[in-house]
Full PDB file with SEQRES, HELIX, SHEET, SSBOND, CRYST1, ORIGX, SCALE, CONECT and MASTER records, all heavy atoms in Angstrom:
SEQRES   1 A   31  MET SER ALA SER ARG GLU GLU PHE ALA ALA LEU MET ALA          
SEQRES   2 A   31  VAL PRO ASP SER SER LEU ALA ARG ALA ALA LEU LEU MET          
SEQRES   3 A   31  GLY LEU GLU SER ASP                                          
HELIX    1 AA1 ALA A    3  MET A   12  1                                  10    
HELIX    2 AA2 LEU A   19  GLY A   27  1                                   9    
CRYST1    1.000    1.000    1.000  90.00  90.00  90.00 P 1           1          
ORIGX1      1.000000  0.000000  0.000000        0.00000                         
ORIGX2      0.000000  1.000000  0.000000        0.00000                         
ORIGX3      0.000000  0.000000  1.000000        0.00000                         
SCALE1      1.000000  0.000000  0.000000        0.00000                         
SCALE2      0.000000  1.000000  0.000000        0.00000                         
SCALE3      0.000000  0.000000  1.000000        0.00000                         
ATOM      1  N   MET A   1      -3.780 -11.448   6.661  1.00  0.00           N  
ATOM      2  CA  MET A   1      -3.647 -10.284   5.802  1.00  0.00           C  
ATOM      3  C   MET A   1      -2.442 -10.499   4.888  1.00  0.00           C  
ATOM      4  O   MET A   1      -1.385 -10.944   5.327  1.00  0.00           O  
ATOM      5  CB  MET A   1      -3.466  -9.031   6.656  1.00  0.00           C  
ATOM      6  CG  MET A   1      -3.423  -7.762   5.830  1.00  0.00           C  
ATOM      7  SD  MET A   1      -3.146  -6.213   6.742  1.00  0.00           S  
ATOM      8  CE  MET A   1      -4.552  -6.115   7.784  1.00  0.00           C  
ATOM      9  N   SER A   2      -2.605 -10.131   3.616  1.00  0.00           N  
ATOM     10  CA  SER A   2      -1.519 -10.310   2.648  1.00  0.00           C  
ATOM     11  C   SER A   2      -0.390  -9.311   2.908  1.00  0.00           C  
ATOM     12  O   SER A   2      -0.579  -8.280   3.560  1.00  0.00           O  
ATOM     13  CB  SER A   2      -2.050 -10.122   1.228  1.00  0.00           C  
ATOM     14  OG  SER A   2      -2.388  -8.768   1.002  1.00  0.00           O  
ATOM     15  N   ALA A   3       0.778  -9.620   2.378  1.00  0.00           N  
ATOM     16  CA  ALA A   3       1.942  -8.748   2.555  1.00  0.00           C  
ATOM     17  C   ALA A   3       1.687  -7.373   1.936  1.00  0.00           C  
ATOM     18  O   ALA A   3       2.083  -6.342   2.506  1.00  0.00           O  
ATOM     19  CB  ALA A   3       3.175  -9.384   1.937  1.00  0.00           C  
ATOM     20  N   SER A   4       1.006  -7.339   0.788  1.00  0.00           N  
ATOM     21  CA  SER A   4       0.742  -6.049   0.150  1.00  0.00           C  
ATOM     22  C   SER A   4      -0.230  -5.209   0.981  1.00  0.00           C  
ATOM     23  O   SER A   4      -0.084  -3.991   1.080  1.00  0.00           O  
ATOM     24  CB  SER A   4       0.213  -6.233  -1.273  1.00  0.00           C  
ATOM     25  OG  SER A   4      -1.004  -6.938  -1.287  1.00  0.00           O  
ATOM     26  N   ARG A   5      -1.200  -5.858   1.613  1.00  0.00           N  
ATOM     27  CA  ARG A   5      -2.138  -5.123   2.474  1.00  0.00           C  
ATOM     28  C   ARG A   5      -1.446  -4.611   3.737  1.00  0.00           C  
ATOM     29  O   ARG A   5      -1.723  -3.504   4.198  1.00  0.00           O  
ATOM     30  CB  ARG A   5      -3.331  -5.990   2.843  1.00  0.00           C  
ATOM     31  CG  ARG A   5      -4.281  -6.185   1.690  1.00  0.00           C  
ATOM     32  CD  ARG A   5      -5.484  -7.001   2.082  1.00  0.00           C  
ATOM     33  NE  ARG A   5      -6.343  -7.182   0.931  1.00  0.00           N  
ATOM     34  CZ  ARG A   5      -7.640  -7.353   1.003  1.00  0.00           C  
ATOM     35  NH1 ARG A   5      -8.235  -7.381   2.180  1.00  0.00           N  
ATOM     36  NH2 ARG A   5      -8.350  -7.507  -0.080  1.00  0.00           N  
ATOM     37  N   GLU A   6      -0.544  -5.418   4.271  1.00  0.00           N  
ATOM     38  CA  GLU A   6       0.217  -4.979   5.442  1.00  0.00           C  
ATOM     39  C   GLU A   6       1.092  -3.779   5.103  1.00  0.00           C  
ATOM     40  O   GLU A   6       1.163  -2.812   5.860  1.00  0.00           O  
ATOM     41  CB  GLU A   6       1.066  -6.128   5.985  1.00  0.00           C  
ATOM     42  CG  GLU A   6       0.261  -7.185   6.690  1.00  0.00           C  
ATOM     43  CD  GLU A   6       1.109  -8.343   7.178  1.00  0.00           C  
ATOM     44  OE1 GLU A   6       2.357  -8.250   7.158  1.00  0.00           O  
ATOM     45  OE2 GLU A   6       0.513  -9.354   7.589  1.00  0.00           O  
ATOM     46  N   GLU A   7       1.763  -3.851   3.943  1.00  0.00           N  
ATOM     47  CA  GLU A   7       2.606  -2.724   3.529  1.00  0.00           C  
ATOM     48  C   GLU A   7       1.757  -1.480   3.281  1.00  0.00           C  
ATOM     49  O   GLU A   7       2.135  -0.370   3.648  1.00  0.00           O  
ATOM     50  CB  GLU A   7       3.420  -3.067   2.285  1.00  0.00           C  
ATOM     51  CG  GLU A   7       4.365  -1.956   1.889  1.00  0.00           C  
ATOM     52  CD  GLU A   7       5.235  -2.263   0.684  1.00  0.00           C  
ATOM     53  OE1 GLU A   7       5.285  -3.422   0.236  1.00  0.00           O  
ATOM     54  OE2 GLU A   7       5.868  -1.305   0.188  1.00  0.00           O  
ATOM     55  N   PHE A   8       0.589  -1.669   2.661  1.00  0.00           N  
ATOM     56  CA  PHE A   8      -0.309  -0.545   2.409  1.00  0.00           C  
ATOM     57  C   PHE A   8      -0.724   0.113   3.722  1.00  0.00           C  
ATOM     58  O   PHE A   8      -0.672   1.338   3.864  1.00  0.00           O  
ATOM     59  CB  PHE A   8      -1.542  -1.011   1.632  1.00  0.00           C  
ATOM     60  CG  PHE A   8      -2.538   0.074   1.370  1.00  0.00           C  
ATOM     61  CD1 PHE A   8      -2.381   0.934   0.302  1.00  0.00           C  
ATOM     62  CD2 PHE A   8      -3.633   0.250   2.206  1.00  0.00           C  
ATOM     63  CE1 PHE A   8      -3.295   1.952   0.062  1.00  0.00           C  
ATOM     64  CE2 PHE A   8      -4.549   1.262   1.980  1.00  0.00           C  
ATOM     65  CZ  PHE A   8      -4.383   2.108   0.903  1.00  0.00           C  
ATOM     66  N   ALA A   9      -1.122  -0.698   4.697  1.00  0.00           N  
ATOM     67  CA  ALA A   9      -1.552  -0.165   5.993  1.00  0.00           C  
ATOM     68  C   ALA A   9      -0.417   0.596   6.669  1.00  0.00           C  
ATOM     69  O   ALA A   9      -0.622   1.683   7.220  1.00  0.00           O  
ATOM     70  CB  ALA A   9      -2.050  -1.287   6.888  1.00  0.00           C  
ATOM     71  N   ALA A  10       0.793   0.050   6.610  1.00  0.00           N  
ATOM     72  CA  ALA A  10       1.946   0.717   7.212  1.00  0.00           C  
ATOM     73  C   ALA A  10       2.256   2.023   6.491  1.00  0.00           C  
ATOM     74  O   ALA A  10       2.574   3.037   7.120  1.00  0.00           O  
ATOM     75  CB  ALA A  10       3.160  -0.211   7.176  1.00  0.00           C  
ATOM     76  N   LEU A  11       2.145   2.013   5.170  1.00  0.00           N  
ATOM     77  CA  LEU A  11       2.417   3.210   4.374  1.00  0.00           C  
ATOM     78  C   LEU A  11       1.416   4.319   4.699  1.00  0.00           C  
ATOM     79  O   LEU A  11       1.798   5.485   4.821  1.00  0.00           O  
ATOM     80  CB  LEU A  11       2.318   2.835   2.890  1.00  0.00           C  
ATOM     81  CG  LEU A  11       3.142   3.588   1.888  1.00  0.00           C  
ATOM     82  CD1 LEU A  11       4.623   3.452   2.193  1.00  0.00           C  
ATOM     83  CD2 LEU A  11       2.861   3.069   0.499  1.00  0.00           C  
ATOM     84  N   MET A  12       0.162   3.957   4.868  1.00  0.00           N  
ATOM     85  CA  MET A  12      -0.865   4.952   5.142  1.00  0.00           C  
ATOM     86  C   MET A  12      -0.750   5.538   6.548  1.00  0.00           C  
ATOM     87  O   MET A  12      -1.299   6.598   6.821  1.00  0.00           O  
ATOM     88  CB  MET A  12      -2.260   4.353   4.934  1.00  0.00           C  
ATOM     89  CG  MET A  12      -2.581   4.006   3.493  1.00  0.00           C  
ATOM     90  SD  MET A  12      -2.629   5.452   2.382  1.00  0.00           S  
ATOM     91  CE  MET A  12      -0.984   5.591   1.778  1.00  0.00           C  
ATOM     92  N   ALA A  13      -0.024   4.873   7.412  1.00  0.00           N  
ATOM     93  CA  ALA A  13       0.164   5.371   8.777  1.00  0.00           C  
ATOM     94  C   ALA A  13       1.267   6.428   8.852  1.00  0.00           C  
ATOM     95  O   ALA A  13       1.432   7.079   9.874  1.00  0.00           O  
ATOM     96  CB  ALA A  13       0.503   4.219   9.711  1.00  0.00           C  
ATOM     97  N   VAL A  14       1.993   6.604   7.753  1.00  0.00           N  
ATOM     98  CA  VAL A  14       3.123   7.539   7.719  1.00  0.00           C  
ATOM     99  C   VAL A  14       2.732   8.778   6.908  1.00  0.00           C  
ATOM    100  O   VAL A  14       2.367   8.650   5.735  1.00  0.00           O  
ATOM    101  CB  VAL A  14       4.365   6.874   7.086  1.00  0.00           C  
ATOM    102  CG1 VAL A  14       5.508   7.854   6.974  1.00  0.00           C  
ATOM    103  CG2 VAL A  14       4.767   5.649   7.862  1.00  0.00           C  
ATOM    104  N   PRO A  15       2.808   9.966   7.511  1.00  0.00           N  
ATOM    105  CA  PRO A  15       2.513  11.181   6.747  1.00  0.00           C  
ATOM    106  C   PRO A  15       3.481  11.331   5.560  1.00  0.00           C  
ATOM    107  O   PRO A  15       4.645  10.942   5.649  1.00  0.00           O  
ATOM    108  CB  PRO A  15       2.729  12.311   7.756  1.00  0.00           C  
ATOM    109  CG  PRO A  15       2.667  11.664   9.093  1.00  0.00           C  
ATOM    110  CD  PRO A  15       3.131  10.243   8.899  1.00  0.00           C  
ATOM    111  N   ASP A  16       2.980  11.873   4.490  1.00  0.00           N  
ATOM    112  CA  ASP A  16       3.776  12.117   3.274  1.00  0.00           C  
ATOM    113  C   ASP A  16       4.370  10.843   2.686  1.00  0.00           C  
ATOM    114  O   ASP A  16       5.448  10.868   2.094  1.00  0.00           O  
ATOM    115  CB  ASP A  16       4.890  13.134   3.543  1.00  0.00           C  
ATOM    116  CG  ASP A  16       4.346  14.491   3.945  1.00  0.00           C  
ATOM    117  OD1 ASP A  16       3.274  14.868   3.432  1.00  0.00           O  
ATOM    118  OD2 ASP A  16       4.982  15.162   4.774  1.00  0.00           O  
ATOM    119  N   SER A  17       3.677   9.723   2.840  1.00  0.00           N  
ATOM    120  CA  SER A  17       4.159   8.481   2.240  1.00  0.00           C  
ATOM    121  C   SER A  17       3.905   8.507   0.737  1.00  0.00           C  
ATOM    122  O   SER A  17       3.216   9.375   0.217  1.00  0.00           O  
ATOM    123  CB  SER A  17       3.473   7.284   2.890  1.00  0.00           C  
ATOM    124  OG  SER A  17       2.082   7.347   2.693  1.00  0.00           O  
ATOM    125  N   SER A  18       4.462   7.553   0.038  1.00  0.00           N  
ATOM    126  CA  SER A  18       4.359   7.491  -1.417  1.00  0.00           C  
ATOM    127  C   SER A  18       2.953   7.069  -1.850  1.00  0.00           C  
ATOM    128  O   SER A  18       2.562   5.909  -1.685  1.00  0.00           O  
ATOM    129  CB  SER A  18       5.382   6.505  -1.969  1.00  0.00           C  
ATOM    130  OG  SER A  18       5.151   6.265  -3.342  1.00  0.00           O  
ATOM    131  N   LEU A  19       2.229   7.999  -2.433  1.00  0.00           N  
ATOM    132  CA  LEU A  19       0.890   7.670  -2.923  1.00  0.00           C  
ATOM    133  C   LEU A  19       0.974   6.752  -4.137  1.00  0.00           C  
ATOM    134  O   LEU A  19       0.099   5.914  -4.347  1.00  0.00           O  
ATOM    135  CB  LEU A  19       0.119   8.938  -3.250  1.00  0.00           C  
ATOM    136  CG  LEU A  19      -0.232   9.819  -2.054  1.00  0.00           C  
ATOM    137  CD1 LEU A  19      -0.981  11.062  -2.522  1.00  0.00           C  
ATOM    138  CD2 LEU A  19      -1.066   9.053  -1.043  1.00  0.00           C  
ATOM    139  N   ALA A  20       2.028   6.910  -4.926  1.00  0.00           N  
ATOM    140  CA  ALA A  20       2.202   6.036  -6.091  1.00  0.00           C  
ATOM    141  C   ALA A  20       2.367   4.591  -5.633  1.00  0.00           C  
ATOM    142  O   ALA A  20       1.734   3.679  -6.170  1.00  0.00           O  
ATOM    143  CB  ALA A  20       3.403   6.480  -6.908  1.00  0.00           C  
ATOM    144  N   ARG A  21       3.214   4.384  -4.639  1.00  0.00           N  
ATOM    145  CA  ARG A  21       3.411   3.026  -4.127  1.00  0.00           C  
ATOM    146  C   ARG A  21       2.116   2.490  -3.524  1.00  0.00           C  
ATOM    147  O   ARG A  21       1.765   1.329  -3.729  1.00  0.00           O  
ATOM    148  CB  ARG A  21       4.544   2.985  -3.111  1.00  0.00           C  
ATOM    149  CG  ARG A  21       4.894   1.578  -2.683  1.00  0.00           C  
ATOM    150  CD  ARG A  21       6.195   1.501  -1.909  1.00  0.00           C  
ATOM    151  NE  ARG A  21       6.585   0.134  -1.681  1.00  0.00           N  
ATOM    152  CZ  ARG A  21       7.283  -0.625  -2.526  1.00  0.00           C  
ATOM    153  NH1 ARG A  21       7.693  -0.108  -3.664  1.00  0.00           N  
ATOM    154  NH2 ARG A  21       7.582  -1.865  -2.248  1.00  0.00           N  
ATOM    155  N   ALA A  22       1.395   3.324  -2.801  1.00  0.00           N  
ATOM    156  CA  ALA A  22       0.129   2.897  -2.204  1.00  0.00           C  
ATOM    157  C   ALA A  22      -0.854   2.477  -3.293  1.00  0.00           C  
ATOM    158  O   ALA A  22      -1.521   1.440  -3.172  1.00  0.00           O  
ATOM    159  CB  ALA A  22      -0.454   4.010  -1.350  1.00  0.00           C  
ATOM    160  N   ALA A  23      -0.939   3.254  -4.353  1.00  0.00           N  
ATOM    161  CA  ALA A  23      -1.849   2.911  -5.453  1.00  0.00           C  
ATOM    162  C   ALA A  23      -1.436   1.603  -6.112  1.00  0.00           C  
ATOM    163  O   ALA A  23      -2.288   0.762  -6.444  1.00  0.00           O  
ATOM    164  CB  ALA A  23      -1.871   4.039  -6.476  1.00  0.00           C  
ATOM    165  N   LEU A  24      -0.143   1.416  -6.297  1.00  0.00           N  
ATOM    166  CA  LEU A  24       0.327   0.175  -6.905  1.00  0.00           C  
ATOM    167  C   LEU A  24       0.094  -1.022  -5.988  1.00  0.00           C  
ATOM    168  O   LEU A  24      -0.204  -2.124  -6.461  1.00  0.00           O  
ATOM    169  CB  LEU A  24       1.800   0.296  -7.287  1.00  0.00           C  
ATOM    170  CG  LEU A  24       2.063   1.248  -8.460  1.00  0.00           C  
ATOM    171  CD1 LEU A  24       3.554   1.511  -8.602  1.00  0.00           C  
ATOM    172  CD2 LEU A  24       1.479   0.701  -9.748  1.00  0.00           C  
ATOM    173  N   LEU A  25       0.217  -0.812  -4.688  1.00  0.00           N  
ATOM    174  CA  LEU A  25      -0.087  -1.898  -3.756  1.00  0.00           C  
ATOM    175  C   LEU A  25      -1.552  -2.298  -3.862  1.00  0.00           C  
ATOM    176  O   LEU A  25      -1.889  -3.484  -3.778  1.00  0.00           O  
ATOM    177  CB  LEU A  25       0.255  -1.486  -2.324  1.00  0.00           C  
ATOM    178  CG  LEU A  25       1.748  -1.448  -2.007  1.00  0.00           C  
ATOM    179  CD1 LEU A  25       1.991  -0.717  -0.687  1.00  0.00           C  
ATOM    180  CD2 LEU A  25       2.331  -2.846  -1.965  1.00  0.00           C  
ATOM    181  N   MET A  26      -2.434  -1.333  -4.077  1.00  0.00           N  
ATOM    182  CA  MET A  26      -3.848  -1.661  -4.305  1.00  0.00           C  
ATOM    183  C   MET A  26      -3.994  -2.437  -5.604  1.00  0.00           C  
ATOM    184  O   MET A  26      -4.809  -3.353  -5.700  1.00  0.00           O  
ATOM    185  CB  MET A  26      -4.700  -0.395  -4.337  1.00  0.00           C  
ATOM    186  CG  MET A  26      -4.873   0.242  -2.983  1.00  0.00           C  
ATOM    187  SD  MET A  26      -6.087   1.573  -2.962  1.00  0.00           S  
ATOM    188  CE  MET A  26      -5.251   2.846  -3.883  1.00  0.00           C  
ATOM    189  N   GLY A  27      -3.195  -2.069  -6.605  1.00  0.00           N  
ATOM    190  CA  GLY A  27      -3.233  -2.774  -7.879  1.00  0.00           C  
ATOM    191  C   GLY A  27      -2.843  -4.239  -7.767  1.00  0.00           C  
ATOM    192  O   GLY A  27      -3.303  -5.072  -8.556  1.00  0.00           O  
ATOM    193  N   LEU A  28      -2.006  -4.549  -6.792  1.00  0.00           N  
ATOM    194  CA  LEU A  28      -1.620  -5.947  -6.572  1.00  0.00           C  
ATOM    195  C   LEU A  28      -2.815  -6.824  -6.211  1.00  0.00           C  
ATOM    196  O   LEU A  28      -2.783  -8.037  -6.402  1.00  0.00           O  
ATOM    197  CB  LEU A  28      -0.573  -6.039  -5.458  1.00  0.00           C  
ATOM    198  CG  LEU A  28       0.861  -5.736  -5.865  1.00  0.00           C  
ATOM    199  CD1 LEU A  28       1.752  -5.677  -4.628  1.00  0.00           C  
ATOM    200  CD2 LEU A  28       1.383  -6.767  -6.839  1.00  0.00           C  
ATOM    201  N   GLU A  29      -3.866  -6.211  -5.696  1.00  0.00           N  
ATOM    202  CA  GLU A  29      -5.075  -6.973  -5.354  1.00  0.00           C  
ATOM    203  C   GLU A  29      -5.718  -7.566  -6.602  1.00  0.00           C  
ATOM    204  O   GLU A  29      -6.264  -8.660  -6.566  1.00  0.00           O  
ATOM    205  CB  GLU A  29      -6.079  -6.093  -4.616  1.00  0.00           C  
ATOM    206  CG  GLU A  29      -5.612  -5.671  -3.242  1.00  0.00           C  
ATOM    207  CD  GLU A  29      -5.477  -6.839  -2.275  1.00  0.00           C  
ATOM    208  OE1 GLU A  29      -6.420  -7.652  -2.171  1.00  0.00           O  
ATOM    209  OE2 GLU A  29      -4.419  -6.936  -1.637  1.00  0.00           O  
ATOM    210  N   SER A  30      -5.657  -6.850  -7.728  1.00  0.00           N  
ATOM    211  CA  SER A  30      -6.267  -7.364  -8.949  1.00  0.00           C  
ATOM    212  C   SER A  30      -5.238  -7.996  -9.882  1.00  0.00           C  
ATOM    213  O   SER A  30      -5.598  -8.784 -10.749  1.00  0.00           O  
ATOM    214  CB  SER A  30      -7.023  -6.253  -9.690  1.00  0.00           C  
ATOM    215  OG  SER A  30      -6.127  -5.248 -10.091  1.00  0.00           O  
ATOM    216  N   ASP A  31      -3.966  -7.649  -9.714  1.00  0.00           N  
ATOM    217  CA  ASP A  31      -2.913  -8.225 -10.552  1.00  0.00           C  
ATOM    218  C   ASP A  31      -1.720  -8.606  -9.676  1.00  0.00           C  
ATOM    219  O   ASP A  31      -0.798  -7.818  -9.497  1.00  0.00           O  
ATOM    220  CB  ASP A  31      -2.481  -7.227 -11.626  1.00  0.00           C  
ATOM    221  CG  ASP A  31      -1.427  -7.789 -12.564  1.00  0.00           C  
ATOM    222  OD1 ASP A  31      -1.054  -8.978 -12.424  1.00  0.00           O  
ATOM    223  OD2 ASP A  31      -0.965  -7.035 -13.440  1.00  0.00           O  
TER     224      ASP A  31                                                      
MASTER        0    0    0    2    0    0    0    6  223    1    0    3          
END                                                                             
């Protein structure tokens, strides 16, 4: 698993995490 996917998974496990950061981490998949 890539570092960005790991960070995304960890972020989603935390209530009230940064949705902006999560969206940008998804963006790393294409850029």
